[in-house]
Amino acid sequence: VKISQGWHVVGTVGSASEKISVPIIPCSEFQYSKPTVLILGNEASGLSPQIEQLCHSFLTVPPGQRLHPGIDSLNVSVSAGEHSPTFY
């Protein structure tokens, strides 16, 4: 329903080298300008192929890049809890 209302659907991937046909953007470069649905994948297997097909773009934390000093990855459940008010 949100897609038909013009929302941007963004998924997460572990690596920018994964074979995906839509843009993969480093988290540090992502800027949203319209309502966004953020889909966080399972830490072991990521997103299902059916969910990947819904995404307009993907976010990744490139190897070696830090989100904040001392942090180079995020636990999915903690990330969702920390940022849920921002994304719907």
PDB file of N, CA and C in Angstrom:
ATOM      1  N   VAL A   1       0.823  -1.186   0.000  1.00  0.00           N
ATOM      2  CA  VAL A   1       0.000   0.000   0.000  1.00  0.00           C
ATOM      3  C   VAL A   1       0.870   1.254   0.000  1.00  0.00           C
ATOM      4  N   LYS A   2       1.930   1.274   0.823  1.00  0.00           N
ATOM      5  CA  LYS A   2       2.793   2.457   0.895  1.00  0.00           C
ATOM      6  C   LYS A   2       3.486   2.724  -0.440  1.00  0.00           C
ATOM      7  N   ILE A   3       3.842   1.680  -1.155  1.00  0.00           N
ATOM      8  CA  ILE A   3       4.488   1.859  -2.462  1.00  0.00           C
ATOM      9  C   ILE A   3       3.550   2.607  -3.402  1.00  0.00           C
ATOM     10  N   SER A   4       2.281   2.229  -3.424  1.00  0.00           N
ATOM     11  CA  SER A   4       1.327   2.889  -4.312  1.00  0.00           C
ATOM     12  C   SER A   4       1.057   4.330  -3.885  1.00  0.00           C
ATOM     13  N   GLN A   5       1.404   4.680  -2.648  1.00  0.00           N
ATOM     14  CA  GLN A   5       1.251   6.047  -2.161  1.00  0.00           C
ATOM     15  C   GLN A   5       2.515   6.876  -2.385  1.00  0.00           C
ATOM     16  N   GLY A   6       3.511   6.304  -3.062  1.00  0.00           N
ATOM     17  CA  GLY A   6       4.723   7.038  -3.405  1.00  0.00           C
ATOM     18  C   GLY A   6       5.857   6.953  -2.406  1.00  0.00           C
ATOM     19  N   TRP A   7       5.744   6.083  -1.417  1.00  0.00           N
ATOM     20  CA  TRP A   7       6.817   5.942  -0.437  1.00  0.00           C
ATOM     21  C   TRP A   7       8.031   5.276  -1.090  1.00  0.00           C
ATOM     22  N   HIS A   8       9.205   5.633  -0.620  1.00  0.00           N
ATOM     23  CA  HIS A   8      10.463   5.043  -1.072  1.00  0.00           C
ATOM     24  C   HIS A   8      10.743   3.836  -0.189  1.00  0.00           C
ATOM     25  N   VAL A   9      11.013   2.681  -0.790  1.00  0.00           N
ATOM     26  CA  VAL A   9      11.276   1.452  -0.036  1.00  0.00           C
ATOM     27  C   VAL A   9      12.767   1.161  -0.086  1.00  0.00           C
ATOM     28  N   VAL A  10      13.389   1.126   1.093  1.00  0.00           N
ATOM     29  CA  VAL A  10      14.829   0.931   1.207  1.00  0.00           C
ATOM     30  C   VAL A  10      15.085  -0.319   2.045  1.00  0.00           C
ATOM     31  N   GLY A  11      15.899  -1.233   1.510  1.00  0.00           N
ATOM     32  CA  GLY A  11      16.280  -2.433   2.244  1.00  0.00           C
ATOM     33  C   GLY A  11      17.718  -2.318   2.710  1.00  0.00           C
ATOM     34  N   THR A  12      18.149  -3.285   3.488  1.00  0.00           N
ATOM     35  CA  THR A  12      19.533  -3.307   3.954  1.00  0.00           C
ATOM     36  C   THR A  12      20.235  -4.541   3.411  1.00  0.00           C
ATOM     37  N   VAL A  13      21.508  -4.389   3.091  1.00  0.00           N
ATOM     38  CA  VAL A  13      22.322  -5.511   2.625  1.00  0.00           C
ATOM     39  C   VAL A  13      23.658  -5.466   3.354  1.00  0.00           C
ATOM     40  N   GLY A  14      24.282  -6.624   3.442  1.00  0.00           N
ATOM     41  CA  GLY A  14      25.548  -6.710   4.147  1.00  0.00           C
ATOM     42  C   GLY A  14      26.732  -6.208   3.354  1.00  0.00           C
ATOM     43  N   SER A  15      26.635  -6.234   2.028  1.00  0.00           N
ATOM     44  CA  SER A  15      27.786  -5.867   1.212  1.00  0.00           C
ATOM     45  C   SER A  15      27.332  -5.243  -0.096  1.00  0.00           C
ATOM     46  N   ALA A  16      28.053  -4.227  -0.538  1.00  0.00           N
ATOM     47  CA  ALA A  16      27.728  -3.578  -1.804  1.00  0.00           C
ATOM     48  C   ALA A  16      28.062  -4.454  -3.007  1.00  0.00           C
ATOM     49  N   SER A  17      28.751  -5.569  -2.802  1.00  0.00           N
ATOM     50  CA  SER A  17      29.126  -6.435  -3.915  1.00  0.00           C
ATOM     51  C   SER A  17      28.037  -7.460  -4.254  1.00  0.00           C
ATOM     52  N   GLU A  18      26.964  -7.496  -3.443  1.00  0.00           N
ATOM     53  CA  GLU A  18      25.888  -8.438  -3.717  1.00  0.00           C
ATOM     54  C   GLU A  18      25.238  -8.100  -5.052  1.00  0.00           C
ATOM     55  N   LYS A  19      24.766  -9.102  -5.755  1.00  0.00           N
ATOM     56  CA  LYS A  19      24.189  -8.903  -7.087  1.00  0.00           C
ATOM     57  C   LYS A  19      22.742  -8.426  -6.964  1.00  0.00           C
ATOM     58  N   ILE A  20      22.584  -7.117  -6.992  1.00  0.00           N
ATOM     59  CA  ILE A  20      21.274  -6.484  -6.863  1.00  0.00           C
ATOM     60  C   ILE A  20      21.170  -5.453  -7.975  1.00  0.00           C
ATOM     61  N   SER A  21      19.981  -5.357  -8.582  1.00  0.00           N
ATOM     62  CA  SER A  21      19.814  -4.500  -9.756  1.00  0.00           C
ATOM     63  C   SER A  21      19.410  -3.057  -9.439  1.00  0.00           C
ATOM     64  N   VAL A  22      19.279  -2.684  -8.179  1.00  0.00           N
ATOM     65  CA  VAL A  22      18.959  -1.305  -7.812  1.00  0.00           C
ATOM     66  C   VAL A  22      20.140  -0.724  -7.039  1.00  0.00           C
ATOM     67  N   PRO A  23      20.185   0.588  -6.878  1.00  0.00           N
ATOM     68  CA  PRO A  23      21.340   1.205  -6.221  1.00  0.00           C
ATOM     69  C   PRO A  23      21.586   0.685  -4.806  1.00  0.00           C
ATOM     70  N   ILE A  24      22.860   0.499  -4.462  1.00  0.00           N
ATOM     71  CA  ILE A  24      23.290   0.173  -3.110  1.00  0.00           C
ATOM     72  C   ILE A  24      24.074   1.384  -2.612  1.00  0.00           C
ATOM     73  N   ILE A  25      23.598   1.987  -1.534  1.00  0.00           N
ATOM     74  CA  ILE A  25      24.123   3.258  -1.048  1.00  0.00           C
ATOM     75  C   ILE A  25      24.756   3.067   0.331  1.00  0.00           C
ATOM     76  N   PRO A  26      25.967   3.566   0.537  1.00  0.00           N
ATOM     77  CA  PRO A  26      26.524   3.532   1.892  1.00  0.00           C
ATOM     78  C   PRO A  26      25.624   4.329   2.843  1.00  0.00           C
ATOM     79  N   CYS A  27      25.446   3.835   4.057  1.00  0.00           N
ATOM     80  CA  CYS A  27      24.578   4.511   5.029  1.00  0.00           C
ATOM     81  C   CYS A  27      24.948   5.981   5.196  1.00  0.00           C
ATOM     82  N   SER A  28      26.234   6.273   5.170  1.00  0.00           N
ATOM     83  CA  SER A  28      26.683   7.648   5.393  1.00  0.00           C
ATOM     84  C   SER A  28      26.281   8.595   4.272  1.00  0.00           C
ATOM     85  N   GLU A  29      25.878   8.067   3.116  1.00  0.00           N
ATOM     86  CA  GLU A  29      25.504   8.907   1.979  1.00  0.00           C
ATOM     87  C   GLU A  29      23.995   8.977   1.736  1.00  0.00           C
ATOM     88  N   PHE A  30      23.227   8.199   2.482  1.00  0.00           N
ATOM     89  CA  PHE A  30      21.782   8.159   2.243  1.00  0.00           C
ATOM     90  C   PHE A  30      21.099   9.424   2.736  1.00  0.00           C
ATOM     91  N   GLN A  31      20.255   9.995   1.882  1.00  0.00           N
ATOM     92  CA  GLN A  31      19.434  11.144   2.244  1.00  0.00           C
ATOM     93  C   GLN A  31      18.026  10.851   1.765  1.00  0.00           C
ATOM     94  N   TYR A  32      17.054  11.028   2.627  1.00  0.00           N
ATOM     95  CA  TYR A  32      15.698  10.792   2.172  1.00  0.00           C
ATOM     96  C   TYR A  32      14.958  12.108   2.032  1.00  0.00           C
ATOM     97  N   SER A  33      14.134  12.178   0.987  1.00  0.00           N
ATOM     98  CA  SER A  33      13.406  13.408   0.719  1.00  0.00           C
ATOM     99  C   SER A  33      11.900  13.165   0.653  1.00  0.00           C
ATOM    100  N   LYS A  34      11.482  11.939   0.890  1.00  0.00           N
ATOM    101  CA  LYS A  34      10.054  11.635   0.920  1.00  0.00           C
ATOM    102  C   LYS A  34       9.836  10.513   1.924  1.00  0.00           C
ATOM    103  N   PRO A  35       8.596  10.214   2.268  1.00  0.00           N
ATOM    104  CA  PRO A  35       8.348   9.134   3.230  1.00  0.00           C
ATOM    105  C   PRO A  35       9.073   7.854   2.804  1.00  0.00           C
ATOM    106  N   THR A  36       9.672   7.195   3.793  1.00  0.00           N
ATOM    107  CA  THR A  36      10.536   6.041   3.519  1.00  0.00           C
ATOM    108  C   THR A  36      10.158   4.855   4.394  1.00  0.00           C
ATOM    109  N   VAL A  37      10.109   3.686   3.778  1.00  0.00           N
ATOM    110  CA  VAL A  37       9.949   2.430   4.495  1.00  0.00           C
ATOM    111  C   VAL A  37      11.337   1.796   4.538  1.00  0.00           C
ATOM    112  N   LEU A  38      11.855   1.551   5.733  1.00  0.00           N
ATOM    113  CA  LEU A  38      13.156   0.920   5.888  1.00  0.00           C
ATOM    114  C   LEU A  38      12.940  -0.529   6.289  1.00  0.00           C
ATOM    115  N   ILE A  39      13.464  -1.461   5.487  1.00  0.00           N
ATOM    116  CA  ILE A  39      13.302  -2.885   5.745  1.00  0.00           C
ATOM    117  C   ILE A  39      14.652  -3.448   6.181  1.00  0.00           C
ATOM    118  N   LEU A  40      14.691  -3.952   7.410  1.00  0.00           N
ATOM    119  CA  LEU A  40      15.917  -4.506   7.980  1.00  0.00           C
ATOM    120  C   LEU A  40      15.884  -6.018   7.837  1.00  0.00           C
ATOM    121  N   GLY A  41      16.935  -6.569   7.266  1.00  0.00           N
ATOM    122  CA  GLY A  41      16.985  -8.005   7.033  1.00  0.00           C
ATOM    123  C   GLY A  41      17.461  -8.796   8.230  1.00  0.00           C
ATOM    124  N   ASN A  42      17.257 -10.074   8.165  1.00  0.00           N
ATOM    125  CA  ASN A  42      17.736 -11.025   9.160  1.00  0.00           C
ATOM    126  C   ASN A  42      19.260 -10.972   9.179  1.00  0.00           C
ATOM    127  N   GLU A  43      19.866 -10.994  10.349  1.00  0.00           N
ATOM    128  CA  GLU A  43      21.321 -10.884  10.453  1.00  0.00           C
ATOM    129  C   GLU A  43      22.053 -12.047   9.780  1.00  0.00           C
ATOM    130  N   ALA A  44      21.419 -13.212   9.694  1.00  0.00           N
ATOM    131  CA  ALA A  44      22.067 -14.375   9.090  1.00  0.00           C
ATOM    132  C   ALA A  44      21.832 -14.451   7.589  1.00  0.00           C
ATOM    133  N   SER A  45      20.587 -14.245   7.152  1.00  0.00           N
ATOM    134  CA  SER A  45      20.278 -14.456   5.734  1.00  0.00           C
ATOM    135  C   SER A  45      19.795 -13.213   5.002  1.00  0.00           C
ATOM    136  N   GLY A  46      19.682 -12.088   5.661  1.00  0.00           N
ATOM    137  CA  GLY A  46      19.273 -10.861   4.994  1.00  0.00           C
ATOM    138  C   GLY A  46      17.793 -10.850   4.649  1.00  0.00           C
ATOM    139  N   LEU A  47      17.467 -10.220   3.523  1.00  0.00           N
ATOM    140  CA  LEU A  47      16.083 -10.116   3.060  1.00  0.00           C
ATOM    141  C   LEU A  47      15.744 -11.271   2.131  1.00  0.00           C
ATOM    142  N   SER A  48      14.497 -11.656   2.108  1.00  0.00           N
ATOM    143  CA  SER A  48      14.069 -12.692   1.172  1.00  0.00           C
ATOM    144  C   SER A  48      14.054 -12.103  -0.237  1.00  0.00           C
ATOM    145  N   PRO A  49      14.174 -12.935  -1.270  1.00  0.00           N
ATOM    146  CA  PRO A  49      14.122 -12.422  -2.642  1.00  0.00           C
ATOM    147  C   PRO A  49      12.826 -11.661  -2.942  1.00  0.00           C
ATOM    148  N   GLN A  50      11.719 -12.084  -2.367  1.00  0.00           N
ATOM    149  CA  GLN A  50      10.442 -11.398  -2.591  1.00  0.00           C
ATOM    150  C   GLN A  50      10.466  -9.979  -2.020  1.00  0.00           C
ATOM    151  N   ILE A  51      11.076  -9.817  -0.863  1.00  0.00           N
ATOM    152  CA  ILE A  51      11.178  -8.483  -0.255  1.00  0.00           C
ATOM    153  C   ILE A  51      12.188  -7.633  -1.019  1.00  0.00           C
ATOM    154  N   GLU A  52      13.300  -8.213  -1.432  1.00  0.00           N
ATOM    155  CA  GLU A  52      14.291  -7.469  -2.218  1.00  0.00           C
ATOM    156  C   GLU A  52      13.671  -6.850  -3.462  1.00  0.00           C
ATOM    157  N   GLN A  53      12.754  -7.552  -4.099  1.00  0.00           N
ATOM    158  CA  GLN A  53      12.119  -7.059  -5.321  1.00  0.00           C
ATOM    159  C   GLN A  53      11.267  -5.816  -5.077  1.00  0.00           C
ATOM    160  N   LEU A  54      10.845  -5.583  -3.854  1.00  0.00           N
ATOM    161  CA  LEU A  54      10.036  -4.404  -3.526  1.00  0.00           C
ATOM    162  C   LEU A  54      10.881  -3.150  -3.312  1.00  0.00           C
ATOM    163  N   CYS A  55      12.179  -3.325  -3.103  1.00  0.00           N
ATOM    164  CA  CYS A  55      13.050  -2.207  -2.720  1.00  0.00           C
ATOM    165  C   CYS A  55      13.466  -1.353  -3.913  1.00  0.00           C
ATOM    166  N   HIS A  56      13.465  -0.035  -3.682  1.00  0.00           N
ATOM    167  CA  HIS A  56      13.933   0.925  -4.689  1.00  0.00           C
ATOM    168  C   HIS A  56      15.442   1.126  -4.599  1.00  0.00           C
ATOM    169  N   SER A  57      15.989   0.916  -3.416  1.00  0.00           N
ATOM    170  CA  SER A  57      17.431   1.015  -3.195  1.00  0.00           C
ATOM    171  C   SER A  57      17.764   0.243  -1.921  1.00  0.00           C
ATOM    172  N   PHE A  58      19.068   0.096  -1.672  1.00  0.00           N
ATOM    173  CA  PHE A  58      19.546  -0.628  -0.501  1.00  0.00           C
ATOM    174  C   PHE A  58      20.599   0.200   0.212  1.00  0.00           C
ATOM    175  N   LEU A  59      20.683   0.022   1.523  1.00  0.00           N
ATOM    176  CA  LEU A  59      21.713   0.655   2.336  1.00  0.00           C
ATOM    177  C   LEU A  59      22.679  -0.406   2.817  1.00  0.00           C
ATOM    178  N   THR A  60      23.936  -0.025   2.942  1.00  0.00           N
ATOM    179  CA  THR A  60      24.961  -0.915   3.462  1.00  0.00           C
ATOM    180  C   THR A  60      25.959  -0.129   4.293  1.00  0.00           C
ATOM    181  N   VAL A  61      26.630  -0.817   5.190  1.00  0.00           N
ATOM    182  CA  VAL A  61      27.772  -0.249   5.906  1.00  0.00           C
ATOM    183  C   VAL A  61      28.989  -0.878   5.261  1.00  0.00           C
ATOM    184  N   PRO A  62      29.713  -0.116   4.429  1.00  0.00           N
ATOM    185  CA  PRO A  62      30.873  -0.684   3.743  1.00  0.00           C
ATOM    186  C   PRO A  62      31.917  -1.204   4.723  1.00  0.00           C
ATOM    187  N   PRO A  63      32.625  -2.275   4.343  1.00  0.00           N
ATOM    188  CA  PRO A  63      33.678  -2.808   5.219  1.00  0.00           C
ATOM    189  C   PRO A  63      34.677  -1.713   5.587  1.00  0.00           C
ATOM    190  N   GLY A  64      34.991  -1.636   6.857  1.00  0.00           N
ATOM    191  CA  GLY A  64      35.954  -0.644   7.331  1.00  0.00           C
ATOM    192  C   GLY A  64      35.365   0.712   7.639  1.00  0.00           C
ATOM    193  N   GLN A  65      34.140   0.995   7.162  1.00  0.00           N
ATOM    194  CA  GLN A  65      33.523   2.291   7.453  1.00  0.00           C
ATOM    195  C   GLN A  65      32.869   2.230   8.832  1.00  0.00           C
ATOM    196  N   ARG A  66      32.985   3.279   9.560  1.00  0.00           N
ATOM    197  CA  ARG A  66      32.390   3.334  10.887  1.00  0.00           C
ATOM    198  C   ARG A  66      31.211   4.303  10.865  1.00  0.00           C
ATOM    199  N   LEU A  67      30.127   3.910  11.507  1.00  0.00           N
ATOM    200  CA  LEU A  67      28.969   4.785  11.631  1.00  0.00           C
ATOM    201  C   LEU A  67      29.225   5.871  12.667  1.00  0.00           C
ATOM    202  N   HIS A  68      30.000   5.519  13.661  1.00  0.00           N
ATOM    203  CA  HIS A  68      30.358   6.390  14.763  1.00  0.00           C
ATOM    204  C   HIS A  68      31.651   5.798  15.320  1.00  0.00           C
ATOM    205  N   PRO A  69      32.531   6.574  15.895  1.00  0.00           N
ATOM    206  CA  PRO A  69      33.763   5.983  16.420  1.00  0.00           C
ATOM    207  C   PRO A  69      33.494   4.741  17.278  1.00  0.00           C
ATOM    208  N   GLY A  70      34.111   3.641  16.914  1.00  0.00           N
ATOM    209  CA  GLY A  70      33.957   2.404  17.654  1.00  0.00           C
ATOM    210  C   GLY A  70      32.816   1.518  17.203  1.00  0.00           C
ATOM    211  N   ILE A  71      31.978   1.973  16.257  1.00  0.00           N
ATOM    212  CA  ILE A  71      30.842   1.172  15.785  1.00  0.00           C
ATOM    213  C   ILE A  71      31.010   0.911  14.298  1.00  0.00           C
ATOM    214  N   ASP A  72      31.067  -0.367  13.893  1.00  0.00           N
ATOM    215  CA  ASP A  72      31.168  -0.675  12.470  1.00  0.00           C
ATOM    216  C   ASP A  72      30.039  -1.579  11.989  1.00  0.00           C
ATOM    217  N   SER A  73      29.115  -1.949  12.869  1.00  0.00           N
ATOM    218  CA  SER A  73      27.940  -2.717  12.474  1.00  0.00           C
ATOM    219  C   SER A  73      26.849  -2.498  13.517  1.00  0.00           C
ATOM    220  N   LEU A  74      25.624  -2.864  13.154  1.00  0.00           N
ATOM    221  CA  LEU A  74      24.493  -2.670  14.045  1.00  0.00           C
ATOM    222  C   LEU A  74      23.707  -3.954  14.203  1.00  0.00           C
ATOM    223  N   ASN A  75      23.283  -4.248  15.409  1.00  0.00           N
ATOM    224  CA  ASN A  75      22.371  -5.344  15.650  1.00  0.00           C
ATOM    225  C   ASN A  75      21.013  -4.926  15.098  1.00  0.00           C
ATOM    226  N   VAL A  76      20.368  -5.789  14.334  1.00  0.00           N
ATOM    227  CA  VAL A  76      19.119  -5.429  13.651  1.00  0.00           C
ATOM    228  C   VAL A  76      18.031  -5.020  14.640  1.00  0.00           C
ATOM    229  N   SER A  77      17.821  -5.788  15.690  1.00  0.00           N
ATOM    230  CA  SER A  77      16.741  -5.444  16.619  1.00  0.00           C
ATOM    231  C   SER A  77      17.019  -4.132  17.349  1.00  0.00           C
ATOM    232  N   VAL A  78      18.263  -3.880  17.694  1.00  0.00           N
ATOM    233  CA  VAL A  78      18.609  -2.624  18.355  1.00  0.00           C
ATOM    234  C   VAL A  78      18.444  -1.465  17.381  1.00  0.00           C
ATOM    235  N   SER A  79      18.868  -1.644  16.147  1.00  0.00           N
ATOM    236  CA  SER A  79      18.740  -0.588  15.136  1.00  0.00           C
ATOM    237  C   SER A  79      17.289  -0.225  14.904  1.00  0.00           C
ATOM    238  N   ALA A  80      16.434  -1.214  14.809  1.00  0.00           N
ATOM    239  CA  ALA A  80      15.005  -0.968  14.583  1.00  0.00           C
ATOM    240  C   ALA A  80      14.404  -0.220  15.764  1.00  0.00           C
ATOM    241  N   GLY A  81      14.775  -0.601  16.958  1.00  0.00           N
ATOM    242  CA  GLY A  81      14.254   0.059  18.144  1.00  0.00           C
ATOM    243  C   GLY A  81      14.732   1.491  18.281  1.00  0.00           C
ATOM    244  N   GLU A  82      15.972   1.736  17.907  1.00  0.00           N
ATOM    245  CA  GLU A  82      16.552   3.066  18.020  1.00  0.00           C
ATOM    246  C   GLU A  82      15.968   4.036  16.997  1.00  0.00           C
ATOM    247  N   HIS A  83      15.594   3.543  15.818  1.00  0.00           N
ATOM    248  CA  HIS A  83      15.215   4.434  14.725  1.00  0.00           C
ATOM    249  C   HIS A  83      13.763   4.328  14.307  1.00  0.00           C
ATOM    250  N   SER A  84      12.952   3.542  14.975  1.00  0.00           N
ATOM    251  CA  SER A  84      11.590   3.342  14.521  1.00  0.00           C
ATOM    252  C   SER A  84      10.755   4.618  14.430  1.00  0.00           C
ATOM    253  N   PRO A  85      10.954   5.652  15.256  1.00  0.00           N
ATOM    254  CA  PRO A  85      10.144   6.859  15.088  1.00  0.00           C
ATOM    255  C   PRO A  85      10.431   7.603  13.778  1.00  0.00           C
ATOM    256  N   THR A  86      11.609   7.406  13.206  1.00  0.00           N
ATOM    257  CA  THR A  86      12.001   8.115  11.997  1.00  0.00           C
ATOM    258  C   THR A  86      11.402   7.489  10.744  1.00  0.00           C
ATOM    259  N   PHE A  87      11.342   6.159  10.701  1.00  0.00           N
ATOM    260  CA  PHE A  87      10.871   5.459   9.523  1.00  0.00           C
ATOM    261  C   PHE A  87       9.574   4.722   9.843  1.00  0.00           C
ATOM    262  N   TYR A  88       8.657   4.689   8.899  1.00  0.00           N
ATOM    263  CA  TYR A  88       7.385   3.991   9.084  1.00  0.00           C
ATOM    264  C   TYR A  88       7.216   2.905   8.069  1.00  0.00           C
TER     265      TYR A  88
END
